[in-house]
Amino acid sequence: MSASPQNQSELKLVKQVQRLADQHLPKKTEQIALQIGDDAAALTQYPGKLTLISTDALVEGIHFDLHYMCPEDLGWKVLAVNLSDIAAMGGNPIGFTISIAVPPLKSGAFLTRMYKGMMELATNTKTVLLGGDTSASPGPVFLNLTILGNVKPTELITRKGAQPGDKIFVTGELGVSAIGLELLRLGAVRSKAVTHLMSQHLRPQPRIKVGRWLAKNHCASALLDLSDGLSTDLSHLCKASNVGAVIDSKKIPLPTVNSTMSSLVSKPLLDYGLNGGEDYELLFSVPAKKEIQVPNKIEGVTVKQIGYVTDKPEICLTNEEGRVRPLLPQGFDHFRG
């Protein structure tokens, strides 16, 4: 009997869809270089380049709340989360299409403002709007964006290349978006520090330039973006590469939070850093012999080594006393009961 969405994880659902597709569709052809299971698929369309394709949906009430997110922020974010998938493959973005379903009352100024935010990020990243579709919705706002990019075959980075002994790195700070979301929901007064945290949730910065640097310099053995939280996304990388990992909790780059904000948030900072999600930073492994090639900053973005890859199929976390405990995937999952 098949599992229902209520009692299976998002990863299990993807695996189930993948098995179904394998039963009914032909295996990889010369045109298909990479199928289901990574941040983007890859097609061989012309010599010397792979075409990258990825898609993401944003649903009101699940991914965003218009009580605290303005249309411009929504437009920015729906493109940003897709650009992050291209960054996670080491690719260059090319263009995108978007399908939108909105209630009739939001079909005018709301859409204009949403496209304004979207096109602001598109301009910043030289990504072209190729087309799309608009429909009425009887309920929540629904957005689905499909993005195209490209990368040289020799520069493509997937989740599957990590090897025992590799060092594990992350960009930026982890947990910022989750804290920002909590402050938004609380309606916190917007001081300078609070606004920074909120803006990281509302307008994440896809790490396209960092992904390209890693690809061009052939440093990373495996790479993905942190959309669901470090604990969950690291488990994705380890499962794809058939390895384990040890993470040092002291090395995880956490945001600076003053005493006022500490009194507002509900969990320890480390919990946000491990399980928060929606940071859209990059997580990558690097062979030990190439570790020296990774600078403290790439394209102005801070990079920090937080652990290493092991040959045991488990993920562990060391605390300040050096004690080790299992690190379970406790980040965002649409279908985890």
Protein backbone atom coordinates (compact mmCIF):
# COMPACT_ATOMS: atom_id res chain seq x y z
CA MET A 1 0.00 0.00 0.00
CA SER A 2 1.35 3.42 -0.94
CA ALA A 3 2.09 5.91 1.81
CA SER A 4 -0.12 8.95 1.98
CA PRO A 5 1.28 12.49 2.21
CA GLN A 6 0.26 12.57 5.88
CA ASN A 7 2.64 9.76 6.88
CA GLN A 8 5.64 10.10 4.63
CA SER A 9 8.42 12.64 4.33
CA GLU A 10 8.96 14.91 1.35
CA LEU A 11 12.11 12.96 0.44
CA LYS A 12 10.21 9.67 0.44
CA LEU A 13 7.53 11.21 -1.78
CA VAL A 14 10.18 12.36 -4.27
CA LYS A 15 11.70 8.86 -4.29
CA GLN A 16 8.26 7.38 -4.93
CA VAL A 17 7.69 9.72 -7.89
CA GLN A 18 11.17 8.88 -9.19
CA ARG A 19 10.46 5.14 -9.09
CA LEU A 20 7.15 5.68 -10.91
CA ALA A 21 8.87 7.78 -13.58
CA ASP A 22 11.57 5.11 -14.04
CA GLN A 23 8.89 2.50 -14.71
CA HIS A 24 7.15 4.48 -17.45
CA LEU A 25 9.79 6.70 -19.05
CA PRO A 26 12.93 5.81 -20.98
CA LYS A 27 16.25 5.84 -19.20
CA LYS A 28 18.67 8.71 -19.65
CA THR A 29 19.39 9.58 -23.26
CA GLU A 30 22.22 11.56 -24.77
CA GLN A 31 20.17 14.72 -24.20
CA ILE A 32 19.54 14.04 -20.49
CA ALA A 33 22.66 14.42 -18.37
CA LEU A 34 21.00 14.60 -14.93
CA GLN A 35 17.45 13.70 -13.88
CA ILE A 36 15.37 13.85 -10.69
CA GLY A 37 17.14 14.10 -7.33
CA ASP A 38 19.32 17.22 -7.40
CA ASP A 39 18.70 20.97 -7.25
CA ALA A 40 18.23 21.10 -11.03
CA ALA A 41 18.07 18.75 -14.00
CA ALA A 42 20.70 19.04 -16.75
CA LEU A 43 20.24 18.63 -20.50
CA THR A 44 22.84 18.43 -23.25
CA GLN A 45 21.48 20.84 -25.85
CA TYR A 46 24.61 21.95 -27.68
CA PRO A 47 28.36 21.22 -27.47
CA GLY A 48 30.23 22.53 -24.44
CA LYS A 49 27.20 23.46 -22.32
CA LEU A 50 24.57 21.78 -20.18
CA THR A 51 21.16 23.41 -19.87
CA LEU A 52 19.95 23.51 -16.26
CA ILE A 53 16.23 23.43 -15.47
CA SER A 54 14.58 23.83 -12.07
CA THR A 55 11.13 24.76 -10.78
CA ASP A 56 9.65 25.81 -7.44
CA ALA A 57 6.15 26.62 -6.24
CA LEU A 58 5.22 29.14 -3.56
CA VAL A 59 1.78 28.83 -1.97
CA GLU A 60 0.16 31.46 0.23
CA GLY A 61 -0.28 30.15 3.75
CA ILE A 62 2.56 27.63 3.39
CA HIS A 63 5.53 29.56 1.97
CA PHE A 64 4.46 33.13 2.64
CA ASP A 65 1.92 35.29 4.45
CA LEU A 66 0.76 38.54 2.86
CA HIS A 67 0.12 40.00 6.30
CA TYR A 68 3.86 40.63 6.62
CA MET A 69 5.15 40.17 3.05
CA CYS A 70 4.47 42.87 0.48
CA PRO A 71 3.99 42.00 -3.23
CA GLU A 72 7.45 43.33 -4.15
CA ASP A 73 9.09 41.00 -1.61
CA LEU A 74 7.05 38.06 -2.90
CA GLY A 75 8.16 38.71 -6.47
CA TRP A 76 11.78 38.90 -5.39
CA LYS A 77 11.59 35.72 -3.33
CA VAL A 78 9.92 33.48 -5.92
CA LEU A 79 12.78 34.22 -8.31
CA ALA A 80 15.46 34.07 -5.61
CA VAL A 81 14.62 30.53 -4.50
CA ASN A 82 14.89 29.32 -8.09
CA LEU A 83 18.13 31.20 -8.74
CA SER A 84 19.51 29.46 -5.65
CA ASP A 85 18.95 26.10 -7.38
CA ILE A 86 21.08 27.26 -10.31
CA ALA A 87 23.76 28.46 -7.87
CA ALA A 88 23.70 25.02 -6.23
CA MET A 89 24.77 23.44 -9.53
CA GLY A 90 27.56 25.96 -10.17
CA GLY A 91 25.57 27.41 -13.07
CA ASN A 92 24.73 30.71 -14.74
CA PRO A 93 21.06 31.78 -14.86
CA ILE A 94 19.58 32.53 -18.29
CA GLY A 95 15.83 33.13 -18.03
CA PHE A 96 12.58 32.04 -16.43
CA THR A 97 8.86 31.57 -16.93
CA ILE A 98 6.25 32.07 -14.23
CA SER A 99 2.67 30.90 -13.75
CA ILE A 100 0.52 32.80 -11.28
CA ALA A 101 -2.93 32.15 -9.83
CA VAL A 102 -4.47 35.00 -7.82
CA PRO A 103 -7.94 35.96 -6.56
CA PRO A 104 -9.60 38.44 -8.97
CA LEU A 105 -9.29 41.29 -6.45
CA LYS A 106 -5.49 40.94 -6.58
CA SER A 107 -5.23 40.92 -10.37
CA GLY A 108 -4.30 44.61 -10.76
CA ALA A 109 -1.93 46.58 -8.54
CA PHE A 110 -0.88 43.44 -6.63
CA LEU A 111 0.51 41.77 -9.75
CA THR A 112 2.19 44.95 -10.96
CA ARG A 113 3.98 45.37 -7.65
CA MET A 114 4.92 41.68 -7.52
CA TYR A 115 6.49 41.81 -10.98
CA LYS A 116 8.36 44.97 -9.95
CA GLY A 117 10.12 43.10 -7.15
CA MET A 118 10.76 40.11 -9.40
CA MET A 119 12.27 42.23 -12.15
CA GLU A 120 14.50 44.05 -9.68
CA LEU A 121 16.27 40.78 -8.86
CA ALA A 122 16.14 39.67 -12.51
CA THR A 123 17.99 42.86 -13.47
CA ASN A 124 20.57 42.34 -10.72
CA THR A 125 21.29 38.79 -11.90
CA LYS A 126 20.89 39.39 -15.66
CA THR A 127 18.07 36.85 -15.83
CA VAL A 128 15.41 37.28 -18.53
CA LEU A 129 11.64 36.87 -18.13
CA LEU A 130 10.69 34.52 -20.99
CA GLY A 131 6.95 34.24 -20.46
CA GLY A 132 4.36 32.47 -18.33
CA ASP A 133 0.67 32.26 -17.54
CA THR A 134 -1.84 33.98 -15.27
CA SER A 135 -5.02 32.48 -13.87
CA ALA A 136 -7.75 33.35 -11.39
CA SER A 137 -7.67 31.53 -8.06
CA PRO A 138 -10.65 30.93 -5.78
CA GLY A 139 -8.37 30.88 -2.75
CA PRO A 140 -4.71 31.55 -1.97
CA VAL A 141 -2.10 33.10 -4.23
CA PHE A 142 -0.08 30.43 -6.04
CA LEU A 143 3.19 31.00 -7.90
CA ASN A 144 5.23 28.51 -9.92
CA LEU A 145 8.50 29.60 -11.51
CA THR A 146 10.66 27.55 -13.87
CA ILE A 147 14.21 28.72 -14.40
CA LEU A 148 16.81 27.93 -17.06
CA GLY A 149 20.56 28.16 -16.67
CA ASN A 150 23.69 26.66 -18.13
CA VAL A 151 27.05 25.30 -17.09
CA LYS A 152 30.01 23.60 -18.73
CA PRO A 153 29.91 19.81 -18.26
CA THR A 154 33.32 19.99 -16.57
CA GLU A 155 32.01 22.56 -14.08
CA LEU A 156 28.72 20.92 -13.08
CA ILE A 157 28.59 20.20 -9.33
CA THR A 158 25.99 17.81 -7.91
CA ARG A 159 25.16 16.41 -4.48
CA LYS A 160 26.83 13.08 -5.21
CA GLY A 161 30.56 13.73 -5.11
CA ALA A 162 31.44 13.99 -1.42
CA GLN A 163 34.14 11.56 -0.23
CA PRO A 164 35.33 10.54 3.27
CA GLY A 165 37.90 13.05 4.50
CA ASP A 166 36.39 15.99 2.59
CA LYS A 167 35.86 19.18 4.58
CA ILE A 168 32.36 20.67 4.86
CA PHE A 169 31.80 24.40 4.30
CA VAL A 170 28.87 26.82 4.40
CA THR A 171 28.44 30.39 3.22
CA GLY A 172 26.98 33.28 5.21
CA GLU A 173 25.12 32.92 8.51
CA LEU A 174 22.64 30.15 9.28
CA GLY A 175 19.31 30.62 11.03
CA VAL A 176 18.89 34.25 10.00
CA SER A 177 15.80 33.67 7.86
CA ALA A 178 14.03 31.56 10.50
CA ILE A 179 14.64 34.18 13.19
CA GLY A 180 13.50 36.90 10.80
CA LEU A 181 10.30 34.96 10.10
CA GLU A 182 9.59 34.60 13.80
CA LEU A 183 10.11 38.33 14.36
CA LEU A 184 7.82 39.12 11.41
CA ARG A 185 5.08 36.94 12.84
CA LEU A 186 5.46 38.66 16.21
CA GLY A 187 5.20 42.08 14.60
CA ALA A 188 8.50 43.14 16.19
CA VAL A 189 9.43 46.82 16.04
CA ARG A 190 11.83 47.31 13.15
CA SER A 191 15.15 48.44 14.52
CA LYS A 192 18.20 48.26 12.24
CA ALA A 193 19.23 44.83 13.54
CA VAL A 194 15.70 43.44 13.36
CA THR A 195 15.21 44.73 9.83
CA HIS A 196 18.38 42.92 8.71
CA LEU A 197 17.05 39.61 10.01
CA MET A 198 13.61 40.16 8.48
CA SER A 199 15.04 41.16 5.10
CA GLN A 200 17.02 37.91 4.90
CA HIS A 201 13.71 36.06 5.05
CA LEU A 202 11.80 38.39 2.73
CA ARG A 203 14.57 38.95 0.17
CA PRO A 204 17.15 36.13 0.29
CA GLN A 205 20.33 36.60 -1.72
CA PRO A 206 20.98 33.66 -4.09
CA ARG A 207 24.69 32.84 -4.09
CA ILE A 208 25.13 32.69 -7.87
CA LYS A 209 28.63 34.21 -7.84
CA VAL A 210 29.84 31.86 -5.11
CA GLY A 211 28.50 28.84 -7.00
CA ARG A 212 30.25 30.00 -10.15
CA TRP A 213 33.53 30.54 -8.27
CA LEU A 214 33.39 27.01 -6.89
CA ALA A 215 32.61 25.61 -10.33
CA LYS A 216 35.32 27.53 -12.17
CA ASN A 217 37.97 26.71 -9.57
CA HIS A 218 36.95 23.03 -9.32
CA CYS A 219 37.04 23.15 -5.52
CA ALA A 220 33.77 21.56 -4.45
CA SER A 221 33.20 17.80 -4.62
CA ALA A 222 29.48 18.19 -3.77
CA LEU A 223 27.17 21.18 -3.46
CA LEU A 224 23.59 22.13 -2.61
CA ASP A 225 21.68 25.12 -1.26
CA LEU A 226 20.28 25.39 2.26
CA SER A 227 16.55 25.70 1.72
CA ASP A 228 15.26 23.25 4.36
CA GLY A 229 17.83 23.74 7.12
CA LEU A 230 21.38 22.48 7.67
CA SER A 231 20.35 19.23 9.41
CA THR A 232 17.98 18.25 6.59
CA ASP A 233 20.01 19.45 3.61
CA LEU A 234 23.22 17.90 4.94
CA SER A 235 21.35 14.58 5.17
CA HIS A 236 20.36 15.02 1.49
CA LEU A 237 24.00 15.54 0.50
CA CYS A 238 25.20 12.59 2.58
CA LYS A 239 22.54 10.22 1.24
CA ALA A 240 23.27 11.24 -2.35
CA SER A 241 27.02 10.71 -1.81
CA ASN A 242 26.58 7.60 0.39
CA VAL A 243 28.67 9.11 3.20
CA GLY A 244 28.25 10.50 6.71
CA ALA A 245 29.45 13.68 8.42
CA VAL A 246 30.61 15.19 11.69
CA ILE A 247 29.66 18.83 12.33
CA ASP A 248 31.26 21.02 15.02
CA SER A 249 28.51 23.07 16.67
CA LYS A 250 31.05 25.75 17.67
CA LYS A 251 31.93 26.40 14.03
CA ILE A 252 28.39 26.91 12.70
CA PRO A 253 28.11 30.61 11.74
CA LEU A 254 25.15 31.95 13.70
CA PRO A 255 23.70 35.47 13.54
CA THR A 256 24.47 38.06 16.19
CA VAL A 257 21.34 38.64 18.24
CA ASN A 258 21.15 41.29 20.97
CA SER A 259 19.45 40.79 24.34
CA THR A 260 16.19 42.35 23.18
CA MET A 261 15.87 39.99 20.22
CA SER A 262 16.96 37.02 22.35
CA SER A 263 13.96 37.64 24.58
CA LEU A 264 11.64 37.56 21.54
CA VAL A 265 12.78 34.36 19.85
CA SER A 266 11.58 31.03 21.20
CA LYS A 267 14.58 28.72 20.70
CA PRO A 268 18.38 28.70 21.19
CA LEU A 269 20.36 30.19 18.30
CA LEU A 270 21.92 26.82 17.48
CA ASP A 271 18.49 25.33 16.85
CA TYR A 272 17.78 27.99 14.22
CA GLY A 273 21.20 27.41 12.66
CA LEU A 274 20.65 23.66 12.41
CA ASN A 275 16.97 23.47 11.52
CA GLY A 276 15.74 26.94 10.52
CA GLY A 277 15.62 26.72 6.72
CA GLU A 278 15.18 29.26 3.92
CA ASP A 279 18.65 30.78 4.32
CA TYR A 280 19.52 29.88 0.70
CA GLU A 281 23.20 29.76 1.58
CA LEU A 282 25.43 27.11 -0.01
CA LEU A 283 26.63 23.92 1.66
CA PHE A 284 29.56 22.18 -0.02
CA SER A 285 32.32 19.64 0.52
CA VAL A 286 35.94 20.11 -0.49
CA PRO A 287 38.69 17.47 -0.77
CA ALA A 288 41.21 17.91 2.08
CA LYS A 289 44.03 18.61 -0.38
CA LYS A 290 42.04 21.54 -1.83
CA GLU A 291 40.95 23.03 1.49
CA ILE A 292 43.73 25.62 1.34
CA GLN A 293 42.28 26.94 -1.94
CA VAL A 294 39.03 28.04 -0.24
CA PRO A 295 39.29 31.64 1.00
CA ASN A 296 37.49 33.11 4.02
CA LYS A 297 35.35 35.11 1.61
CA ILE A 298 34.18 34.34 -1.91
CA GLU A 299 32.74 37.23 -3.92
CA GLY A 300 32.30 39.15 -0.65
CA VAL A 301 30.40 36.30 1.06
CA THR A 302 31.83 34.74 4.23
CA VAL A 303 32.79 31.05 3.95
CA LYS A 304 33.39 28.83 6.97
CA GLN A 305 34.46 25.22 7.46
CA ILE A 306 32.09 23.48 9.90
CA GLY A 307 32.94 19.77 9.75
CA TYR A 308 34.12 16.85 7.68
CA VAL A 309 32.81 13.87 5.71
CA THR A 310 33.07 10.33 7.10
CA ASP A 311 32.62 6.85 5.64
CA LYS A 312 29.96 5.94 8.24
CA PRO A 313 26.36 6.48 7.06
CA GLU A 314 25.43 8.76 9.97
CA ILE A 315 25.57 12.46 10.77
CA CYS A 316 26.87 13.60 14.15
CA LEU A 317 27.16 16.90 15.99
CA THR A 318 29.87 17.71 18.54
CA ASN A 319 29.06 20.20 21.30
CA GLU A 320 31.32 22.64 23.17
CA GLU A 321 32.49 19.89 25.53
CA GLY A 322 33.41 17.66 22.60
CA ARG A 323 30.53 15.27 23.20
CA VAL A 324 29.01 13.67 20.13
CA ARG A 325 25.31 13.11 19.42
CA PRO A 326 23.37 12.12 16.30
CA LEU A 327 22.20 15.03 14.17
CA LEU A 328 18.77 14.12 12.84
CA PRO A 329 17.12 15.93 9.90
CA GLN A 330 14.71 18.28 11.68
CA GLY A 331 14.45 21.08 9.14
CA PHE A 332 11.43 21.89 6.98
CA ASP A 333 9.55 19.01 5.35
CA HIS A 334 6.17 19.53 3.68
CA PHE A 335 4.83 16.08 4.50
CA ARG A 336 6.44 15.05 7.76
CA GLY A 337 3.64 14.29 10.19
